[in-house]
C-alpha atoms as a PDB file:
ATOM      1  CA  MET A   1      76.247  57.112 126.419  1.00  0.00           C
ATOM      2  CA  ASP A   2      74.212  54.907 124.120  1.00  0.00           C
ATOM      3  CA  THR A   3      70.766  54.275 125.593  1.00  0.00           C
ATOM      4  CA  GLN A   4      68.896  52.853 122.647  1.00  0.00           C
ATOM      5  CA  THR A   5      66.229  50.219 123.074  1.00  0.00           C
ATOM      6  CA  ILE A   6      67.341  46.623 123.112  1.00  0.00           C
ATOM      7  CA  THR A   7      65.572  44.481 120.550  1.00  0.00           C
ATOM      8  CA  LEU A   8      65.362  40.932 121.808  1.00  0.00           C
ATOM      9  CA  PRO A   9      63.927  37.942 119.950  1.00  0.00           C
ATOM     10  CA  LYS A  10      60.174  37.627 120.564  1.00  0.00           C
ATOM     11  CA  THR A  11      60.409  34.813 123.137  1.00  0.00           C
ATOM     12  CA  GLN A  12      63.183  36.556 125.080  1.00  0.00           C
ATOM     13  CA  ASN A  13      61.237  39.814 124.913  1.00  0.00           C
ATOM     14  CA  LEU A  14      58.141  38.137 126.387  1.00  0.00           C
ATOM     15  CA  VAL A  15      60.183  36.512 129.158  1.00  0.00           C
ATOM     16  CA  TYR A  16      61.821  39.852 129.929  1.00  0.00           C
ATOM     17  CA  TYR A  17      58.457  41.643 129.919  1.00  0.00           C
ATOM     18  CA  TYR A  18      56.691  39.167 132.194  1.00  0.00           C
ATOM     19  CA  SER A  19      59.737  39.010 134.448  1.00  0.00           C
ATOM     20  CA  LEU A  20      59.614  42.798 134.892  1.00  0.00           C
ATOM     21  CA  ILE A  21      55.896  42.629 135.664  1.00  0.00           C
ATOM     22  CA  SER A  22      56.286  39.792 138.171  1.00  0.00           C
ATOM     23  CA  VAL A  23      59.301  41.187 139.948  1.00  0.00           C
ATOM     24  CA  SER A  24      57.830  44.705 140.097  1.00  0.00           C
ATOM     25  CA  PHE A  25      54.875  43.261 142.017  1.00  0.00           C
ATOM     26  CA  LEU A  26      57.012  41.028 144.232  1.00  0.00           C
ATOM     27  CA  ILE A  27      59.637  43.619 145.196  1.00  0.00           C
ATOM     28  CA  PRO A  28      57.464  45.314 147.852  1.00  0.00           C
ATOM     29  CA  LEU A  29      56.438  41.901 149.189  1.00  0.00           C
ATOM     30  CA  PHE A  30      60.007  40.675 149.696  1.00  0.00           C
ATOM     31  CA  ILE A  31      61.917  43.929 150.135  1.00  0.00           C
ATOM     32  CA  SER A  32      59.567  45.685 152.489  1.00  0.00           C
ATOM     33  CA  GLY A  33      61.941  48.354 153.673  1.00  0.00           C
ATOM     34  CA  PRO A  34      63.650  50.626 154.019  1.00  0.00           C
ATOM     35  CA  GLN A  35      61.822  52.851 151.568  1.00  0.00           C
ATOM     36  CA  LEU A  36      65.126  53.949 150.051  1.00  0.00           C
ATOM     37  CA  LEU A  37      65.910  50.388 148.978  1.00  0.00           C
ATOM     38  CA  THR A  38      62.392  49.329 147.977  1.00  0.00           C
ATOM     39  CA  GLY A  39      61.659  52.563 146.112  1.00  0.00           C
ATOM     40  CA  SER A  40      64.978  52.548 144.260  1.00  0.00           C
ATOM     41  CA  VAL A  41      64.494  48.969 143.055  1.00  0.00           C
ATOM     42  CA  VAL A  42      60.882  49.619 142.001  1.00  0.00           C
ATOM     43  CA  ASN A  43      61.940  52.765 140.138  1.00  0.00           C
ATOM     44  CA  ALA A  44      64.725  50.818 138.425  1.00  0.00           C
ATOM     45  CA  PHE A  45      62.078  48.475 137.022  1.00  0.00           C
ATOM     46  CA  LEU A  46      59.992  51.442 135.905  1.00  0.00           C
ATOM     47  CA  PHE A  47      62.958  52.871 134.024  1.00  0.00           C
ATOM     48  CA  LEU A  48      63.803  49.479 132.514  1.00  0.00           C
ATOM     49  CA  SER A  49      60.246  49.211 131.230  1.00  0.00           C
ATOM     50  CA  ALA A  50      60.521  52.708 129.757  1.00  0.00           C
ATOM     51  CA  TYR A  51      63.697  51.644 127.925  1.00  0.00           C
ATOM     52  CA  SER A  52      62.114  48.537 126.496  1.00  0.00           C
ATOM     53  CA  PHE A  53      58.367  48.739 125.967  1.00  0.00           C
ATOM     54  CA  PRO A  54      55.684  51.030 124.506  1.00  0.00           C
ATOM     55  CA  LYS A  55      53.453  53.076 126.818  1.00  0.00           C
ATOM     56  CA  LYS A  56      50.509  50.691 126.697  1.00  0.00           C
ATOM     57  CA  GLN A  57      52.639  47.763 127.857  1.00  0.00           C
ATOM     58  CA  ILE A  58      54.094  49.471 130.923  1.00  0.00           C
ATOM     59  CA  LEU A  59      50.801  49.851 132.802  1.00  0.00           C
ATOM     60  CA  PRO A  60      51.174  46.634 134.842  1.00  0.00           C
ATOM     61  CA  ILE A  61      54.665  47.716 135.908  1.00  0.00           C
ATOM     62  CA  VAL A  62      53.296  51.161 136.816  1.00  0.00           C
ATOM     63  CA  ILE A  63      50.446  49.774 138.942  1.00  0.00           C
ATOM     64  CA  LEU A  64      51.549  46.516 140.541  1.00  0.00           C
ATOM     65  CA  PRO A  65      54.329  47.673 142.914  1.00  0.00           C
ATOM     66  CA  SER A  66      52.011  49.853 144.996  1.00  0.00           C
ATOM     67  CA  ILE A  67      49.472  47.035 145.173  1.00  0.00           C
ATOM     68  CA  GLY A  68      52.255  44.745 146.396  1.00  0.00           C
ATOM     69  CA  ALA A  69      53.228  47.335 149.009  1.00  0.00           C
ATOM     70  CA  VAL A  70      49.684  47.570 150.327  1.00  0.00           C
ATOM     71  CA  LEU A  71      49.323  43.785 150.394  1.00  0.00           C
ATOM     72  CA  ASN A  72      52.569  43.487 152.293  1.00  0.00           C
ATOM     73  CA  GLY A  73      51.520  46.074 154.833  1.00  0.00           C
ATOM     74  CA  LEU A  74      55.065  46.627 156.021  1.00  0.00           C
ATOM     75  CA  LEU A  75      56.369  49.417 153.810  1.00  0.00           C
ATOM     76  CA  PHE A  76      54.795  52.143 155.919  1.00  0.00           C
ATOM     77  CA  GLY A  77      54.010  49.950 158.931  1.00  0.00           C
ATOM     78  CA  THR A  78      51.002  51.398 160.696  1.00  0.00           C
ATOM     79  CA  PHE A  79      50.782  54.033 157.955  1.00  0.00           C
ATOM     80  CA  THR A  80      50.064  51.501 155.183  1.00  0.00           C
ATOM     81  CA  PRO A  81      46.281  52.241 155.118  1.00  0.00           C
ATOM     82  CA  PHE A  82      47.146  55.852 154.250  1.00  0.00           C
ATOM     83  CA  LEU A  83      48.991  54.558 151.194  1.00  0.00           C
ATOM     84  CA  LEU A  84      45.586  53.712 149.716  1.00  0.00           C
ATOM     85  CA  TYR A  85      44.872  57.449 149.405  1.00  0.00           C
ATOM     86  CA  PHE A  86      48.035  57.838 147.363  1.00  0.00           C
ATOM     87  CA  MET A  87      47.717  54.816 145.064  1.00  0.00           C
ATOM     88  CA  PRO A  88      46.047  56.528 142.101  1.00  0.00           C
ATOM     89  CA  PHE A  89      48.604  59.334 142.308  1.00  0.00           C
ATOM     90  CA  ILE A  90      51.481  56.877 142.627  1.00  0.00           C
ATOM     91  CA  TRP A  91      50.213  55.200 139.461  1.00  0.00           C
ATOM     92  CA  VAL A  92      50.024  58.536 137.654  1.00  0.00           C
ATOM     93  CA  GLY A  93      53.454  59.502 138.991  1.00  0.00           C
ATOM     94  CA  ASN A  94      54.954  56.201 137.831  1.00  0.00           C
ATOM     95  CA  TYR A  95      53.345  56.632 134.428  1.00  0.00           C
ATOM     96  CA  ILE A  96      54.671  60.185 134.161  1.00  0.00           C
ATOM     97  CA  LEU A  97      58.133  58.958 135.142  1.00  0.00           C
ATOM     98  CA  THR A  98      58.199  56.296 132.441  1.00  0.00           C
ATOM     99  CA  VAL A  99      56.553  58.281 129.636  1.00  0.00           C
ATOM    100  CA  VAL A 100      58.577  61.455 130.200  1.00  0.00           C
ATOM    101  CA  PHE A 101      61.782  59.450 130.507  1.00  0.00           C
ATOM    102  CA  ALA A 102      61.050  57.447 127.340  1.00  0.00           C
ATOM    103  CA  SER A 103      60.287  60.568 125.326  1.00  0.00           C
ATOM    104  CA  LEU A 104      63.256  62.570 126.632  1.00  0.00           C
ATOM    105  CA  ILE A 105      65.806  59.774 126.295  1.00  0.00           C
ATOM    106  CA  LYS A 106      65.140  59.787 122.547  1.00  0.00           C
ATOM    107  CA  LYS A 107      65.959  63.513 122.311  1.00  0.00           C
ATOM    108  CA  ASN A 108      68.475  64.092 125.101  1.00  0.00           C
ATOM    109  CA  SER A 109      71.147  62.321 127.017  1.00  0.00           C
ATOM    110  CA  PHE A 110      70.413  60.113 129.983  1.00  0.00           C
ATOM    111  CA  VAL A 111      70.983  62.678 132.752  1.00  0.00           C
ATOM    112  CA  PRO A 112      68.391  65.281 131.639  1.00  0.00           C
ATOM    113  CA  ALA A 113      65.836  62.518 130.976  1.00  0.00           C
ATOM    114  CA  LEU A 114      66.464  61.016 134.418  1.00  0.00           C
ATOM    115  CA  VAL A 115      66.368  64.316 136.302  1.00  0.00           C
ATOM    116  CA  VAL A 116      63.275  65.756 134.605  1.00  0.00           C
ATOM    117  CA  SER A 117      61.208  62.559 134.819  1.00  0.00           C
ATOM    118  CA  SER A 118      62.236  61.968 138.462  1.00  0.00           C
ATOM    119  CA  PHE A 119      61.443  65.540 139.418  1.00  0.00           C
ATOM    120  CA  MET A 120      58.020  65.419 137.740  1.00  0.00           C
ATOM    121  CA  LYS A 121      57.040  62.239 139.586  1.00  0.00           C
ATOM    122  CA  SER A 122      58.244  63.505 142.957  1.00  0.00           C
ATOM    123  CA  ALA A 123      56.659  66.947 142.464  1.00  0.00           C
ATOM    124  CA  LEU A 124      53.281  65.353 141.797  1.00  0.00           C
ATOM    125  CA  LEU A 125      53.462  63.088 144.846  1.00  0.00           C
ATOM    126  CA  PHE A 126      54.796  65.828 147.098  1.00  0.00           C
ATOM    127  CA  SER A 127      51.963  68.144 145.996  1.00  0.00           C
ATOM    128  CA  VAL A 128      49.341  65.498 146.733  1.00  0.00           C
ATOM    129  CA  ALA A 129      50.961  64.796 150.113  1.00  0.00           C
ATOM    130  CA  ALA A 130      50.920  68.504 150.954  1.00  0.00           C
ATOM    131  CA  LEU A 131      47.217  68.720 150.101  1.00  0.00           C
ATOM    132  CA  TYR A 132      46.372  65.616 152.129  1.00  0.00           C
ATOM    133  CA  ILE A 133      48.457  66.760 155.104  1.00  0.00           C
ATOM    134  CA  ASN A 134      46.973  70.258 155.074  1.00  0.00           C
ATOM    135  CA  ALA A 135      43.492  68.709 154.926  1.00  0.00           C
ATOM    136  CA  HIS A 136      44.421  66.436 157.858  1.00  0.00           C
ATOM    137  CA  ILE A 137      43.788  63.305 155.801  1.00  0.00           C
ATOM    138  CA  VAL A 138      47.265  61.784 156.311  1.00  0.00           C
ATOM    139  CA  PRO A 139      49.980  62.340 158.939  1.00  0.00           C
ATOM    140  CA  SER A 140      52.930  64.638 158.286  1.00  0.00           C
ATOM    141  CA  ILE A 141      55.330  61.678 157.890  1.00  0.00           C
ATOM    142  CA  PHE A 142      54.182  61.642 154.276  1.00  0.00           C
ATOM    143  CA  PHE A 143      55.954  64.953 153.559  1.00  0.00           C
ATOM    144  CA  LYS A 144      59.243  63.078 153.600  1.00  0.00           C
ATOM    145  CA  ALA A 145      57.925  59.790 152.191  1.00  0.00           C
ATOM    146  CA  MET A 146      56.213  61.444 149.216  1.00  0.00           C
ATOM    147  CA  GLY A 147      58.707  64.276 148.798  1.00  0.00           C
ATOM    148  CA  ILE A 148      62.461  63.944 148.993  1.00  0.00           C
ATOM    149  CA  PHE A 149      62.367  60.140 149.203  1.00  0.00           C
ATOM    150  CA  GLN A 150      60.456  59.969 145.924  1.00  0.00           C
ATOM    151  CA  LEU A 151      63.054  62.120 144.198  1.00  0.00           C
ATOM    152  CA  VAL A 152      66.022  60.250 145.650  1.00  0.00           C
ATOM    153  CA  THR A 153      64.592  56.788 144.944  1.00  0.00           C
ATOM    154  CA  ALA A 154      63.707  57.779 141.379  1.00  0.00           C
ATOM    155  CA  LEU A 155      67.217  59.087 140.734  1.00  0.00           C
ATOM    156  CA  LEU A 156      68.841  56.020 142.293  1.00  0.00           C
ATOM    157  CA  GLY A 157      66.454  53.736 140.435  1.00  0.00           C
ATOM    158  CA  GLY A 158      67.399  55.419 137.169  1.00  0.00           C
ATOM    159  CA  LEU A 159      71.079  54.815 137.845  1.00  0.00           C
ATOM    160  CA  ILE A 160      70.414  51.167 138.714  1.00  0.00           C
ATOM    161  CA  ALA A 161      68.377  50.798 135.514  1.00  0.00           C
ATOM    162  CA  LEU A 162      71.169  52.339 133.450  1.00  0.00           C
ATOM    163  CA  PHE A 163      73.608  49.830 134.909  1.00  0.00           C
ATOM    164  CA  ILE A 164      71.276  46.869 134.240  1.00  0.00           C
ATOM    165  CA  HIS A 165      70.376  48.158 130.766  1.00  0.00           C
ATOM    166  CA  THR A 166      74.066  48.489 129.919  1.00  0.00           C
ATOM    167  CA  LEU A 167      74.764  44.935 131.119  1.00  0.00           C
ATOM    168  CA  ILE A 168      71.848  43.506 129.120  1.00  0.00           C
ATOM    169  CA  LYS A 169      72.869  45.448 126.027  1.00  0.00           C
ATOM    170  CA  LYS A 170      76.496  44.396 126.382  1.00  0.00           C
ATOM    171  CA  ASN A 171      75.480  40.746 126.871  1.00  0.00           C
ATOM    172  CA  HIS A 172      72.993  40.880 123.986  1.00  0.00           C
ATOM    173  CA  ASP A 173      75.460  42.570 121.625  1.00  0.00           C
ATOM    174  CA  GLY A 174      78.224  40.197 122.686  1.00  0.00           C
ATOM    175  CA  THR A 175      80.663  42.994 123.451  1.00  0.00           C
END
């Protein structure tokens, strides 16, 4: 499967970039649950940014979705204030996901890049959740939310991104 970066004309590239930034922030505001849906869509945008932009340009897409989720206040319902404890780690996890994926996709096929980057993000967030739960900082609901859900939503998001990337590439190439 060909997963090379799409080179768009400068104006189209800027529109695509700012669209990814805007939508990544708005997703948690308009799709406030379930976490499976919201997380998968957000992760799809993270993977799309990894396909298309250098590391320094993906930071807004890494950071803004969790800010949107906190502003919405509905993603975790009454547990939303606890999300604040996780935000820096979510940002790091999102950054790891995109950087690891971008570097591995150049060397390997899509599946290993998707699995390794998704696992690394979810392992980080699950570890932080375990520490917070054991220290009685957050409730145990975060074992699932920051564990298996992170892995599943990253994997699903990667598959969604592959589909969208393929459509964009096909449309751009005219095939």
